Structures are given as C-alpha cells and as structure tokens.
Amino acid sequence: MTTTEAGGGVSVPSPRGGGGPVVEGPVVEGPVVVGSLSPSRAGDFMTCPLLYRFRVIDRLSERPSPAAARGTLVHAVLERLYDLPAGGRTVGAALELLGPQWERLLSAEPELAGLFGEDEAGEAERAEWLAQAERMVERYFTLEDPRRLEPAERELFVETVLDSGLKLRGYIDRVDVAPSGDVRIVDYKTGTAPRADFEARALFQMKFYALVLWRLHGRVPRLLQLMYLGNGEVLRYEPEERDLRATERKVEALWQAIRRAMDSGEWRPRTSRLCDWCDHKERCPEFGGTPPPLPVVPVRRPSPADLEGAAQGGAARERDDL
C-alpha cells in the first residue's frame, strides 16, 4: 500500500536516541561473499550498464554537482539537527547549521569550492544555491515535527549477505522504532516526488534497505517513508514479506546481469533523459565517444566486490535524489 501526501505526516516517536543498534543479537557466520551491491550501484546498472562500468570498474572521476552537494548539505543538517535537545530542534536552529556543515564538507572535499565562480555571477549563483538549501530545510518542518521524534538511528550503515553470497549494503538516512517495536525507514530526498508511474523506481531503494533489515533482524519494517523536500510531498509504503522476496529476486537478477557483463566485457549503454547530465557522455558510443580500455589486472578482472567500496567513499557521498 502506497500513500503520497503533501505535508502533515504522522510522526512515529522512538523510545531510543540515535547511536544504538536497532536490534541486538548474536553474530552468525554467513556464506562466502561473491560480490557486493548497493542501491546506488544497482540504480546505475538499471539506468545504464555502461555508467555502472565507468563508476565501478573504471572508477572514473566525476565533477562535483551543485545539486548533489546541496543534497549532501541538507542531509547533514537534518542528521545534526537530532543532536540537539528536542526542544531546540527549531527552524532557526536548523538554518544555523547550514554554514558550519558547509564548511565541514568543504574541509573534507576541497574540490567543492570550485562549484561556483569567484566573480559576481558566481557569488549570485552560490547565494541562490544556498537559498534553495534553506527552503528545503524549512520545508522539512512542514512535513513533521522533529521535537516529537527520537530516531533510533541516523546515517545507519547496514549490510547483509544473501544465501547466494551477494552482499547488500548501504546507508539509511533515518530509522525510527515505535514503542511497539515497529520500524520505520525514512529517506530524505532533495528532489521532487515522482509521477505515479515512476514510484516503483523510487521505492526500489527503500525496499532494498527493508530487505537488508529484514534479513538482519527477521522482522519486516512497518513503513517506508520518502520525504521530498523539493516540493513537500511524502511517499509512504507499507511493505509485506512478498515485496521483500521480490526485491531479493530482483537484486539477484541484477547481480547475474552484472556478472555476465563482466565475463563478456560488454557494457551496453542505455540512453535516457539523464544522459544530458552524465559526466561520461563524451565517452559514450551513443554520442560518438569511445570508452577507455577495460582495466587490465593480473590473474583476474576486478570484481564489484573488490571495487564497489572505492566507488562509495567521500563526504559528499552519492545521493539517490536526482
């Protein structure tokens, strides 16, 4: 069941503060890991197998994006907001976090300073960029009241290994746990809510996270919630076990397709409107380009299990917002 709303969402308070595990239990030895997949990399392959190759196999650099940097900044502000006492989580307090969090990001990734020019036009662009971030932070407060919430986890790294040996991993923006034990997975989006016919793609990431938590703790999360700060809508979905089993089959099929591409060396491009924003367009055969030779590694070609971690690092880690 999916519901989309504009603001006024129901808050589910958690009995615990951030930092502790959602569920505690013994560590159980699992199968041998044969590969690794995150929602972002799975999304890359579904969008364009050649894009996946450029990012994971070739590890080609990409220019910082103002939209991605703004998404990282807003996420950082909302994460740090919950470090404040409940009564202090106000709009004003959140806006005051923007400057320090931007400085922190610049310190971690100095190349972000090149997003805007040093002339008058660049300064105007930077001011509008920051104003958009401010509006997104303000809009968050129209969707829920952070003074009533105590998230169980923020920026939670999760991973699990399926029976096949495929490791699933990623970062969850927020996990809320109700007094009943029900779990809500929350993800902030700095884009706008998708049309109804694109909701399934938007929910894939959330079902991916729900699958990981279900495999880790044996309980299907009660609610998946996507908060679109670009236009103030909230997409909610109540997953069932069959949804997560279907998601598991989908990621297994994606992995097999990735393995076939690795074995054959054929990474076929898939064009879409996203090509206009792709940093690798000049290398794409669909636009007259030539991909670089595949990396030559002694003994065997590197697998995504080896390389995916390198494709996920950085303070401004890739967001599934755009």
C-alpha atoms as a PDB file:
ATOM      1  CA  MET A   1       0.000   0.000   0.000  1.00  0.00           C
ATOM      2  CA  THR A   2       1.408   3.376  -1.068  1.00  0.00           C
ATOM      3  CA  THR A   3       0.271   6.831   0.012  1.00  0.00           C
ATOM      4  CA  THR A   4       1.554  10.209  -1.107  1.00  0.00           C
ATOM      5  CA  GLU A   5       0.808  13.330   0.902  1.00  0.00           C
ATOM      6  CA  ALA A   6       1.761  16.994   0.910  1.00  0.00           C
ATOM      7  CA  GLY A   7       2.906  17.687   4.461  1.00  0.00           C
ATOM      8  CA  GLY A   8       1.173  16.872   7.734  1.00  0.00           C
ATOM      9  CA  GLY A   9       2.591  13.367   8.022  1.00  0.00           C
ATOM     10  CA  VAL A  10       2.025  11.289  11.155  1.00  0.00           C
ATOM     11  CA  SER A  11       5.117  11.147  13.362  1.00  0.00           C
ATOM     12  CA  VAL A  12       6.173   7.839  14.934  1.00  0.00           C
ATOM     13  CA  PRO A  13       8.229   8.569  18.052  1.00  0.00           C
ATOM     14  CA  SER A  14      11.010   6.221  19.040  1.00  0.00           C
ATOM     15  CA  PRO A  15      11.822   5.233  22.632  1.00  0.00           C
ATOM     16  CA  ARG A  16      15.569   5.391  21.940  1.00  0.00           C
ATOM     17  CA  GLY A  17      18.096   8.002  20.930  1.00  0.00           C
ATOM     18  CA  GLY A  18      20.453   7.722  17.964  1.00  0.00           C
ATOM     19  CA  GLY A  19      23.578   5.652  18.053  1.00  0.00           C
ATOM     20  CA  GLY A  20      22.377   2.317  19.417  1.00  0.00           C
ATOM     21  CA  PRO A  21      21.636  -0.739  17.286  1.00  0.00           C
ATOM     22  CA  VAL A  22      18.071  -1.156  16.039  1.00  0.00           C
ATOM     23  CA  VAL A  23      18.094  -4.805  17.052  1.00  0.00           C
ATOM     24  CA  GLU A  24      20.748  -6.599  19.037  1.00  0.00           C
ATOM     25  CA  GLY A  25      21.589 -10.234  18.607  1.00  0.00           C
ATOM     26  CA  PRO A  26      24.358 -12.781  18.127  1.00  0.00           C
ATOM     27  CA  VAL A  27      26.648 -12.602  15.123  1.00  0.00           C
ATOM     28  CA  VAL A  28      26.011 -15.546  12.814  1.00  0.00           C
ATOM     29  CA  GLU A  29      28.542 -16.722  10.232  1.00  0.00           C
ATOM     30  CA  GLY A  30      27.136 -16.438   6.709  1.00  0.00           C
ATOM     31  CA  PRO A  31      28.045 -17.685   3.233  1.00  0.00           C
ATOM     32  CA  VAL A  32      31.214 -16.682   1.405  1.00  0.00           C
ATOM     33  CA  VAL A  33      30.835 -13.255  -0.189  1.00  0.00           C
ATOM     34  CA  VAL A  34      30.923 -13.387  -4.010  1.00  0.00           C
ATOM     35  CA  GLY A  35      30.062  -9.753  -4.720  1.00  0.00           C
ATOM     36  CA  SER A  36      28.599  -6.554  -3.343  1.00  0.00           C
ATOM     37  CA  LEU A  37      25.764  -4.272  -4.360  1.00  0.00           C
ATOM     38  CA  SER A  38      24.342  -1.004  -3.013  1.00  0.00           C
ATOM     39  CA  PRO A  39      21.128   0.785  -4.043  1.00  0.00           C
ATOM     40  CA  SER A  40      23.127   3.467  -5.871  1.00  0.00           C
ATOM     41  CA  ARG A  41      25.173   0.985  -7.872  1.00  0.00           C
ATOM     42  CA  ALA A  42      22.109  -1.148  -8.610  1.00  0.00           C
ATOM     43  CA  GLY A  43      20.374   2.012  -9.800  1.00  0.00           C
ATOM     44  CA  ASP A  44      23.367   2.837 -12.012  1.00  0.00           C
ATOM     45  CA  PHE A  45      23.174  -0.546 -13.725  1.00  0.00           C
ATOM     46  CA  MET A  46      19.421  -0.298 -14.229  1.00  0.00           C
ATOM     47  CA  THR A  47      19.858   3.195 -15.677  1.00  0.00           C
ATOM     48  CA  CYS A  48      22.797   2.308 -17.919  1.00  0.00           C
ATOM     49  CA  PRO A  49      25.191  -0.662 -17.678  1.00  0.00           C
ATOM     50  CA  LEU A  50      27.953   1.460 -19.207  1.00  0.00           C
ATOM     51  CA  LEU A  51      27.516   4.058 -16.455  1.00  0.00           C
ATOM     52  CA  TYR A  52      27.955   1.269 -13.896  1.00  0.00           C
ATOM     53  CA  ARG A  53      31.166   0.234 -15.635  1.00  0.00           C
ATOM     54  CA  PHE A  54      32.534   3.801 -15.666  1.00  0.00           C
ATOM     55  CA  ARG A  55      31.845   4.239 -11.956  1.00  0.00           C
ATOM     56  CA  VAL A  56      32.651   0.804 -10.533  1.00  0.00           C
ATOM     57  CA  ILE A  57      35.081  -0.888 -12.912  1.00  0.00           C
ATOM     58  CA  ASP A  58      36.937   2.100 -14.390  1.00  0.00           C
ATOM     59  CA  ARG A  59      36.434   4.307 -11.304  1.00  0.00           C
ATOM     60  CA  LEU A  60      36.426   7.428 -13.462  1.00  0.00           C
ATOM     61  CA  SER A  61      36.274  10.739 -11.646  1.00  0.00           C
ATOM     62  CA  GLU A  62      33.187  12.930 -11.885  1.00  0.00           C
ATOM     63  CA  ARG A  63      32.790  16.650 -11.449  1.00  0.00           C
ATOM     64  CA  PRO A  64      31.091  17.840  -8.265  1.00  0.00           C
ATOM     65  CA  SER A  65      27.459  18.659  -8.899  1.00  0.00           C
ATOM     66  CA  PRO A  66      25.721  21.624  -7.221  1.00  0.00           C
ATOM     67  CA  ALA A  67      22.549  19.554  -6.850  1.00  0.00           C
ATOM     68  CA  ALA A  68      24.378  16.599  -5.287  1.00  0.00           C
ATOM     69  CA  ALA A  69      26.372  18.895  -2.981  1.00  0.00           C
ATOM     70  CA  ARG A  70      23.178  20.631  -1.877  1.00  0.00           C
ATOM     71  CA  GLY A  71      21.599  17.240  -1.172  1.00  0.00           C
ATOM     72  CA  THR A  72      24.588  16.236   0.940  1.00  0.00           C
ATOM     73  CA  LEU A  73      24.455  19.535   2.826  1.00  0.00           C
ATOM     74  CA  VAL A  74      20.732  19.271   3.595  1.00  0.00           C
ATOM     75  CA  HIS A  75      21.137  15.655   4.704  1.00  0.00           C
ATOM     76  CA  ALA A  76      23.976  16.683   7.024  1.00  0.00           C
ATOM     77  CA  VAL A  77      21.876  19.444   8.573  1.00  0.00           C
ATOM     78  CA  LEU A  78      18.937  17.102   9.222  1.00  0.00           C
ATOM     79  CA  GLU A  79      21.247  14.497  10.700  1.00  0.00           C
ATOM     80  CA  ARG A  80      22.907  17.011  13.078  1.00  0.00           C
ATOM     81  CA  LEU A  81      19.553  18.547  13.984  1.00  0.00           C
ATOM     82  CA  TYR A  82      18.832  15.477  16.105  1.00  0.00           C
ATOM     83  CA  ASP A  83      21.995  16.049  18.118  1.00  0.00           C
ATOM     84  CA  LEU A  84      20.174  18.995  19.690  1.00  0.00           C
ATOM     85  CA  PRO A  85      17.816  18.629  22.664  1.00  0.00           C
ATOM     86  CA  ALA A  86      14.250  18.002  21.495  1.00  0.00           C
ATOM     87  CA  GLY A  87      13.054  21.469  22.434  1.00  0.00           C
ATOM     88  CA  GLY A  88      15.860  23.101  20.489  1.00  0.00           C
ATOM     89  CA  ARG A  89      15.029  21.478  17.141  1.00  0.00           C
ATOM     90  CA  THR A  90      13.568  24.579  15.548  1.00  0.00           C
ATOM     91  CA  VAL A  91      13.670  26.027  12.052  1.00  0.00           C
ATOM     92  CA  GLY A  92      16.089  28.704  13.207  1.00  0.00           C
ATOM     93  CA  ALA A  93      18.424  26.179  14.805  1.00  0.00           C
ATOM     94  CA  ALA A  94      18.419  24.061  11.640  1.00  0.00           C
ATOM     95  CA  LEU A  95      19.214  27.048   9.434  1.00  0.00           C
ATOM     96  CA  GLU A  96      22.108  27.957  11.710  1.00  0.00           C
ATOM     97  CA  LEU A  97      23.605  24.531  10.981  1.00  0.00           C
ATOM     98  CA  LEU A  98      23.880  25.191   7.238  1.00  0.00           C
ATOM     99  CA  GLY A  99      27.015  27.342   7.438  1.00  0.00           C
ATOM    100  CA  PRO A 100      29.040  25.069   9.742  1.00  0.00           C
ATOM    101  CA  GLN A 101      28.016  21.946   7.820  1.00  0.00           C
ATOM    102  CA  TRP A 102      29.021  23.504   4.520  1.00  0.00           C
ATOM    103  CA  GLU A 103      32.405  24.418   5.965  1.00  0.00           C
ATOM    104  CA  ARG A 104      32.796  20.844   7.188  1.00  0.00           C
ATOM    105  CA  LEU A 105      32.035  19.489   3.724  1.00  0.00           C
ATOM    106  CA  LEU A 106      34.482  21.930   2.127  1.00  0.00           C
ATOM    107  CA  SER A 107      37.169  20.820   4.555  1.00  0.00           C
ATOM    108  CA  ALA A 108      36.553  17.167   3.708  1.00  0.00           C
ATOM    109  CA  GLU A 109      36.285  17.732  -0.049  1.00  0.00           C
ATOM    110  CA  PRO A 110      38.041  20.976  -1.081  1.00  0.00           C
ATOM    111  CA  GLU A 111      37.083  20.456  -4.724  1.00  0.00           C
ATOM    112  CA  LEU A 112      33.537  21.516  -3.806  1.00  0.00           C
ATOM    113  CA  ALA A 113      34.863  25.080  -3.577  1.00  0.00           C
ATOM    114  CA  GLY A 114      35.039  25.070  -7.375  1.00  0.00           C
ATOM    115  CA  LEU A 115      31.280  24.695  -7.769  1.00  0.00           C
ATOM    116  CA  PHE A 116      30.866  28.452  -8.073  1.00  0.00           C
ATOM    117  CA  GLY A 117      32.952  31.116  -9.742  1.00  0.00           C
ATOM    118  CA  GLU A 118      34.735  33.823  -7.798  1.00  0.00           C
ATOM    119  CA  ASP A 119      33.179  36.635  -9.823  1.00  0.00           C
ATOM    120  CA  GLU A 120      29.901  38.428  -9.215  1.00  0.00           C
ATOM    121  CA  ALA A 121      27.918  35.897 -11.246  1.00  0.00           C
ATOM    122  CA  GLY A 122      29.428  33.023  -9.267  1.00  0.00           C
ATOM    123  CA  GLU A 123      28.550  34.714  -5.992  1.00  0.00           C
ATOM    124  CA  ALA A 124      24.959  35.204  -7.147  1.00  0.00           C
ATOM    125  CA  GLU A 125      24.772  31.535  -8.151  1.00  0.00           C
ATOM    126  CA  ARG A 126      26.137  30.486  -4.766  1.00  0.00           C
ATOM    127  CA  ALA A 127      23.602  32.684  -2.954  1.00  0.00           C
ATOM    128  CA  GLU A 128      20.693  31.155  -4.883  1.00  0.00           C
ATOM    129  CA  TRP A 129      22.080  27.649  -4.273  1.00  0.00           C
ATOM    130  CA  LEU A 130      22.197  28.320  -0.541  1.00  0.00           C
ATOM    131  CA  ALA A 131      18.722  29.879  -0.579  1.00  0.00           C
ATOM    132  CA  GLN A 132      17.368  26.694  -2.162  1.00  0.00           C
ATOM    133  CA  ALA A 133      19.014  24.645   0.592  1.00  0.00           C
ATOM    134  CA  GLU A 134      17.417  26.931   3.186  1.00  0.00           C
ATOM    135  CA  ARG A 135      13.979  26.457   1.614  1.00  0.00           C
ATOM    136  CA  MET A 136      14.403  22.684   1.704  1.00  0.00           C
ATOM    137  CA  VAL A 137      15.346  22.764   5.373  1.00  0.00           C
ATOM    138  CA  GLU A 138      12.360  24.988   6.146  1.00  0.00           C
ATOM    139  CA  ARG A 139      10.067  22.715   4.142  1.00  0.00           C
ATOM    140  CA  TYR A 140      11.148  19.745   6.230  1.00  0.00           C
ATOM    141  CA  PHE A 141       9.445  21.319   9.240  1.00  0.00           C
ATOM    142  CA  THR A 142       6.120  21.374   7.365  1.00  0.00           C
ATOM    143  CA  LEU A 143       6.284  17.594   6.990  1.00  0.00           C
ATOM    144  CA  GLU A 144       6.973  16.546  10.587  1.00  0.00           C
ATOM    145  CA  ASP A 145       7.886  17.980  13.982  1.00  0.00           C
ATOM    146  CA  PRO A 146      11.412  16.876  14.954  1.00  0.00           C
ATOM    147  CA  ARG A 147      10.736  17.867  18.562  1.00  0.00           C
ATOM    148  CA  ARG A 148       8.437  14.826  18.834  1.00  0.00           C
ATOM    149  CA  LEU A 149      10.956  12.354  17.444  1.00  0.00           C
ATOM    150  CA  GLU A 150      13.958  10.473  18.794  1.00  0.00           C
ATOM    151  CA  PRO A 151      15.365   8.462  15.896  1.00  0.00           C
ATOM    152  CA  ALA A 152      16.864   5.101  16.759  1.00  0.00           C
ATOM    153  CA  GLU A 153      19.497   5.542  14.035  1.00  0.00           C
ATOM    154  CA  ARG A 154      20.769   8.236  11.685  1.00  0.00           C
ATOM    155  CA  GLU A 155      23.033   7.683   8.679  1.00  0.00           C
ATOM    156  CA  LEU A 156      22.992   3.996   9.541  1.00  0.00           C
ATOM    157  CA  PHE A 157      25.343   1.760   7.558  1.00  0.00           C
ATOM    158  CA  VAL A 158      23.763  -1.657   7.029  1.00  0.00           C
ATOM    159  CA  GLU A 159      24.918  -4.774   5.234  1.00  0.00           C
ATOM    160  CA  THR A 160      23.900  -8.381   4.962  1.00  0.00           C
ATOM    161  CA  VAL A 161      24.911 -11.355   2.835  1.00  0.00           C
ATOM    162  CA  LEU A 162      22.235 -13.281   0.974  1.00  0.00           C
ATOM    163  CA  ASP A 163      22.302 -17.066   0.713  1.00  0.00           C
ATOM    164  CA  SER A 164      23.858 -16.700  -2.745  1.00  0.00           C
ATOM    165  CA  GLY A 165      26.858 -14.852  -1.269  1.00  0.00           C
ATOM    166  CA  LEU A 166      25.791 -11.456  -2.623  1.00  0.00           C
ATOM    167  CA  LYS A 167      26.443  -8.713  -0.051  1.00  0.00           C
ATOM    168  CA  LEU A 168      23.877  -5.913   0.116  1.00  0.00           C
ATOM    169  CA  ARG A 169      24.909  -2.684   1.781  1.00  0.00           C
ATOM    170  CA  GLY A 170      24.063   0.977   2.026  1.00  0.00           C
ATOM    171  CA  TYR A 171      23.324   3.968   4.237  1.00  0.00           C
ATOM    172  CA  ILE A 172      19.856   4.653   5.648  1.00  0.00           C
ATOM    173  CA  ASP A 173      19.097   8.299   6.433  1.00  0.00           C
ATOM    174  CA  ARG A 174      16.984   7.539   9.469  1.00  0.00           C
ATOM    175  CA  VAL A 175      15.419   4.618  11.306  1.00  0.00           C
ATOM    176  CA  ASP A 176      12.574   5.167  13.786  1.00  0.00           C
ATOM    177  CA  VAL A 177      11.436   2.475  16.205  1.00  0.00           C
ATOM    178  CA  ALA A 178       7.995   2.772  17.796  1.00  0.00           C
ATOM    179  CA  PRO A 179       7.270   1.535  21.355  1.00  0.00           C
ATOM    180  CA  SER A 180       5.594  -1.490  19.741  1.00  0.00           C
ATOM    181  CA  GLY A 181       8.873  -2.359  18.041  1.00  0.00           C
ATOM    182  CA  ASP A 182       7.613  -1.388  14.591  1.00  0.00           C
ATOM    183  CA  VAL A 183      10.366   0.019  12.375  1.00  0.00           C
ATOM    184  CA  ARG A 184      10.035   2.952  10.000  1.00  0.00           C
ATOM    185  CA  ILE A 185      12.737   3.621   7.390  1.00  0.00           C
ATOM    186  CA  VAL A 186      12.976   7.291   6.425  1.00  0.00           C
ATOM    187  CA  ASP A 187      14.829   8.764   3.467  1.00  0.00           C
ATOM    188  CA  TYR A 188      15.164  12.475   2.679  1.00  0.00           C
ATOM    189  CA  LYS A 189      15.034  13.472  -0.986  1.00  0.00           C
ATOM    190  CA  THR A 190      16.060  16.921  -2.152  1.00  0.00           C
ATOM    191  CA  GLY A 191      14.330  16.382  -5.483  1.00  0.00           C
ATOM    192  CA  THR A 192      10.596  16.385  -6.141  1.00  0.00           C
ATOM    193  CA  ALA A 193       8.172  13.486  -5.810  1.00  0.00           C
ATOM    194  CA  PRO A 194       7.995  11.302  -8.934  1.00  0.00           C
ATOM    195  CA  ARG A 195       4.915  10.795 -11.044  1.00  0.00           C
ATOM    196  CA  ALA A 196       2.820   7.765 -10.122  1.00  0.00           C
ATOM    197  CA  ASP A 197       4.295   5.688 -12.961  1.00  0.00           C
ATOM    198  CA  PHE A 198       7.817   6.261 -11.569  1.00  0.00           C
ATOM    199  CA  GLU A 199       7.017   5.450  -7.932  1.00  0.00           C
ATOM    200  CA  ALA A 200       8.225   1.853  -8.221  1.00  0.00           C
ATOM    201  CA  ARG A 201      11.707   3.041  -9.190  1.00  0.00           C
ATOM    202  CA  ALA A 202      11.726   5.495  -6.282  1.00  0.00           C
ATOM    203  CA  LEU A 203      10.681   2.773  -3.842  1.00  0.00           C
ATOM    204  CA  PHE A 204      13.315   0.280  -5.009  1.00  0.00           C
ATOM    205  CA  GLN A 205      15.972   1.884  -2.807  1.00  0.00           C
ATOM    206  CA  MET A 206      13.683   1.730   0.222  1.00  0.00           C
ATOM    207  CA  LYS A 207      12.718  -1.886  -0.407  1.00  0.00           C
ATOM    208  CA  PHE A 208      16.427  -2.656  -0.746  1.00  0.00           C
ATOM    209  CA  TYR A 209      17.030  -1.232   2.744  1.00  0.00           C
ATOM    210  CA  ALA A 210      13.965  -3.022   4.100  1.00  0.00           C
ATOM    211  CA  LEU A 211      15.278  -6.299   2.680  1.00  0.00           C
ATOM    212  CA  VAL A 212      18.618  -5.782   4.429  1.00  0.00           C
ATOM    213  CA  LEU A 213      16.985  -5.037   7.797  1.00  0.00           C
ATOM    214  CA  TRP A 214      14.591  -7.971   7.402  1.00  0.00           C
ATOM    215  CA  ARG A 215      17.458 -10.339   6.634  1.00  0.00           C
ATOM    216  CA  LEU A 216      19.444  -8.970   9.565  1.00  0.00           C
ATOM    217  CA  HIS A 217      16.720  -8.968  12.190  1.00  0.00           C
ATOM    218  CA  GLY A 218      13.891 -11.194  10.926  1.00  0.00           C
ATOM    219  CA  ARG A 219      11.202  -8.507  11.049  1.00  0.00           C
ATOM    220  CA  VAL A 220       9.675  -6.696   8.070  1.00  0.00           C
ATOM    221  CA  PRO A 221       9.805  -2.908   8.597  1.00  0.00           C
ATOM    222  CA  ARG A 222       6.358  -1.470   9.175  1.00  0.00           C
ATOM    223  CA  LEU A 223       6.699   1.612   6.971  1.00  0.00           C
ATOM    224  CA  LEU A 224       8.937   3.049   4.249  1.00  0.00           C
ATOM    225  CA  GLN A 225       8.809   6.837   4.030  1.00  0.00           C
ATOM    226  CA  LEU A 226      10.306   9.075   1.352  1.00  0.00           C
ATOM    227  CA  MET A 227      10.262  12.789   2.221  1.00  0.00           C
ATOM    228  CA  TYR A 228      10.601  15.016  -0.857  1.00  0.00           C
ATOM    229  CA  LEU A 229      11.981  18.346   0.287  1.00  0.00           C
ATOM    230  CA  GLY A 230      11.872  19.745  -3.229  1.00  0.00           C
ATOM    231  CA  ASN A 231       8.081  20.047  -3.207  1.00  0.00           C
ATOM    232  CA  GLY A 232       6.963  18.971   0.271  1.00  0.00           C
ATOM    233  CA  GLU A 233       5.373  15.622  -0.541  1.00  0.00           C
ATOM    234  CA  VAL A 234       5.699  12.383   1.414  1.00  0.00           C
ATOM    235  CA  LEU A 235       5.535   8.946  -0.180  1.00  0.00           C
ATOM    236  CA  ARG A 236       4.687   6.123   2.222  1.00  0.00           C
ATOM    237  CA  TYR A 237       4.660   2.418   1.577  1.00  0.00           C
ATOM    238  CA  GLU A 238       3.814  -0.499   3.865  1.00  0.00           C
ATOM    239  CA  PRO A 239       5.936  -3.445   2.688  1.00  0.00           C
ATOM    240  CA  GLU A 240       4.996  -7.074   3.024  1.00  0.00           C
ATOM    241  CA  GLU A 241       7.260 -10.092   3.098  1.00  0.00           C
ATOM    242  CA  ARG A 242       6.369 -10.913  -0.507  1.00  0.00           C
ATOM    243  CA  ASP A 243       7.601  -7.434  -1.551  1.00  0.00           C
ATOM    244  CA  LEU A 244      10.970  -8.080   0.018  1.00  0.00           C
ATOM    245  CA  ARG A 245      11.261 -11.544  -1.501  1.00  0.00           C
ATOM    246  CA  ALA A 246      10.532  -9.986  -4.898  1.00  0.00           C
ATOM    247  CA  THR A 247      13.187  -7.334  -4.229  1.00  0.00           C
ATOM    248  CA  GLU A 248      15.667 -10.060  -3.357  1.00  0.00           C
ATOM    249  CA  ARG A 249      14.948 -11.818  -6.644  1.00  0.00           C
ATOM    250  CA  LYS A 250      15.420  -8.526  -8.472  1.00  0.00           C
ATOM    251  CA  VAL A 251      18.813  -7.747  -6.936  1.00  0.00           C
ATOM    252  CA  GLU A 252      19.961 -11.316  -7.562  1.00  0.00           C
ATOM    253  CA  ALA A 253      18.946 -10.959 -11.223  1.00  0.00           C
ATOM    254  CA  LEU A 254      20.767  -7.618 -11.422  1.00  0.00           C
ATOM    255  CA  TRP A 255      23.874  -9.216  -9.992  1.00  0.00           C
ATOM    256  CA  GLN A 256      23.755 -12.018 -12.535  1.00  0.00           C
ATOM    257  CA  ALA A 257      23.430  -9.442 -15.318  1.00  0.00           C
ATOM    258  CA  ILE A 258      26.447  -7.568 -13.909  1.00  0.00           C
ATOM    259  CA  ARG A 259      28.449 -10.787 -13.790  1.00  0.00           C
ATOM    260  CA  ARG A 260      27.564 -11.563 -17.402  1.00  0.00           C
ATOM    261  CA  ALA A 261      28.731  -8.101 -18.427  1.00  0.00           C
ATOM    262  CA  MET A 262      31.990  -8.639 -16.535  1.00  0.00           C
ATOM    263  CA  ASP A 263      32.571 -12.023 -18.143  1.00  0.00           C
ATOM    264  CA  SER A 264      31.817 -10.787 -21.658  1.00  0.00           C
ATOM    265  CA  GLY A 265      33.294  -7.310 -21.314  1.00  0.00           C
ATOM    266  CA  GLU A 266      30.124  -5.908 -22.911  1.00  0.00           C
ATOM    267  CA  TRP A 267      28.722  -2.921 -21.047  1.00  0.00           C
ATOM    268  CA  ARG A 268      25.926  -1.667 -23.245  1.00  0.00           C
ATOM    269  CA  PRO A 269      24.850   1.976 -22.998  1.00  0.00           C
ATOM    270  CA  ARG A 270      21.192   2.786 -22.412  1.00  0.00           C
ATOM    271  CA  THR A 271      20.091   6.271 -23.378  1.00  0.00           C
ATOM    272  CA  SER A 272      17.603   8.337 -21.403  1.00  0.00           C
ATOM    273  CA  ARG A 273      16.979  11.957 -20.480  1.00  0.00           C
ATOM    274  CA  LEU A 274      19.626  11.516 -17.760  1.00  0.00           C
ATOM    275  CA  CYS A 275      22.301  11.413 -20.471  1.00  0.00           C
ATOM    276  CA  ASP A 276      22.225  15.222 -20.630  1.00  0.00           C
ATOM    277  CA  TRP A 277      23.676  15.353 -17.111  1.00  0.00           C
ATOM    278  CA  CYS A 278      26.133  12.463 -17.422  1.00  0.00           C
ATOM    279  CA  ASP A 279      29.807  13.299 -16.895  1.00  0.00           C
ATOM    280  CA  HIS A 280      30.745  10.456 -19.248  1.00  0.00           C
ATOM    281  CA  LYS A 281      28.677  11.458 -22.284  1.00  0.00           C
ATOM    282  CA  GLU A 282      31.796  12.224 -24.343  1.00  0.00           C
ATOM    283  CA  ARG A 283      32.991   8.625 -23.789  1.00  0.00           C
ATOM    284  CA  CYS A 284      29.657   7.038 -24.736  1.00  0.00           C
ATOM    285  CA  PRO A 285      29.320   5.288 -28.121  1.00  0.00           C
ATOM    286  CA  GLU A 286      25.726   6.516 -28.350  1.00  0.00           C
ATOM    287  CA  PHE A 287      27.107  10.049 -28.663  1.00  0.00           C
ATOM    288  CA  GLY A 288      30.130   9.299 -30.824  1.00  0.00           C
ATOM    289  CA  GLY A 289      32.548   8.621 -27.985  1.00  0.00           C
ATOM    290  CA  THR A 290      34.853   5.715 -27.205  1.00  0.00           C
ATOM    291  CA  PRO A 291      35.068   4.118 -23.738  1.00  0.00           C
ATOM    292  CA  PRO A 292      38.573   3.659 -22.352  1.00  0.00           C
ATOM    293  CA  PRO A 293      40.052   0.149 -22.448  1.00  0.00           C
ATOM    294  CA  LEU A 294      38.924  -2.042 -19.614  1.00  0.00           C
ATOM    295  CA  PRO A 295      41.427  -2.085 -16.734  1.00  0.00           C
ATOM    296  CA  VAL A 296      43.995  -4.859 -17.045  1.00  0.00           C
ATOM    297  CA  VAL A 297      44.548  -6.670 -13.763  1.00  0.00           C
ATOM    298  CA  PRO A 298      46.846  -9.681 -13.304  1.00  0.00           C
ATOM    299  CA  VAL A 299      45.147 -13.073 -12.920  1.00  0.00           C
ATOM    300  CA  ARG A 300      41.569 -11.820 -12.986  1.00  0.00           C
ATOM    301  CA  ARG A 301      39.438  -8.804 -13.731  1.00  0.00           C
ATOM    302  CA  PRO A 302      38.486  -6.941 -10.526  1.00  0.00           C
ATOM    303  CA  SER A 303      35.009  -7.767  -9.316  1.00  0.00           C
ATOM    304  CA  PRO A 304      32.452  -5.320  -7.928  1.00  0.00           C
ATOM    305  CA  ALA A 305      33.132  -6.954  -4.572  1.00  0.00           C
ATOM    306  CA  ASP A 306      36.656  -5.517  -4.812  1.00  0.00           C
ATOM    307  CA  LEU A 307      35.803  -2.142  -6.248  1.00  0.00           C
ATOM    308  CA  GLU A 308      32.429  -1.002  -5.023  1.00  0.00           C
ATOM    309  CA  GLY A 309      33.715   0.300  -1.719  1.00  0.00           C
ATOM    310  CA  ALA A 310      36.043   2.653  -3.566  1.00  0.00           C
ATOM    311  CA  ALA A 311      33.097   3.941  -5.578  1.00  0.00           C
ATOM    312  CA  GLN A 312      31.107   4.896  -2.471  1.00  0.00           C
ATOM    313  CA  GLY A 313      33.530   6.980  -0.383  1.00  0.00           C
ATOM    314  CA  GLY A 314      33.686  10.719   0.193  1.00  0.00           C
ATOM    315  CA  ALA A 315      31.967  13.202   2.451  1.00  0.00           C
ATOM    316  CA  ALA A 316      29.575  14.185  -0.336  1.00  0.00           C
ATOM    317  CA  ARG A 317      28.561  10.575  -0.924  1.00  0.00           C
ATOM    318  CA  GLU A 318      26.262   9.982  -3.819  1.00  0.00           C
ATOM    319  CA  ARG A 319      22.578  10.527  -3.174  1.00  0.00           C
ATOM    320  CA  ASP A 320      19.625   8.953  -4.964  1.00  0.00           C
ATOM    321  CA  ASP A 321      17.873  12.292  -5.204  1.00  0.00           C
ATOM    322  CA  LEU A 322      18.053  13.390  -8.819  1.00  0.00           C
END
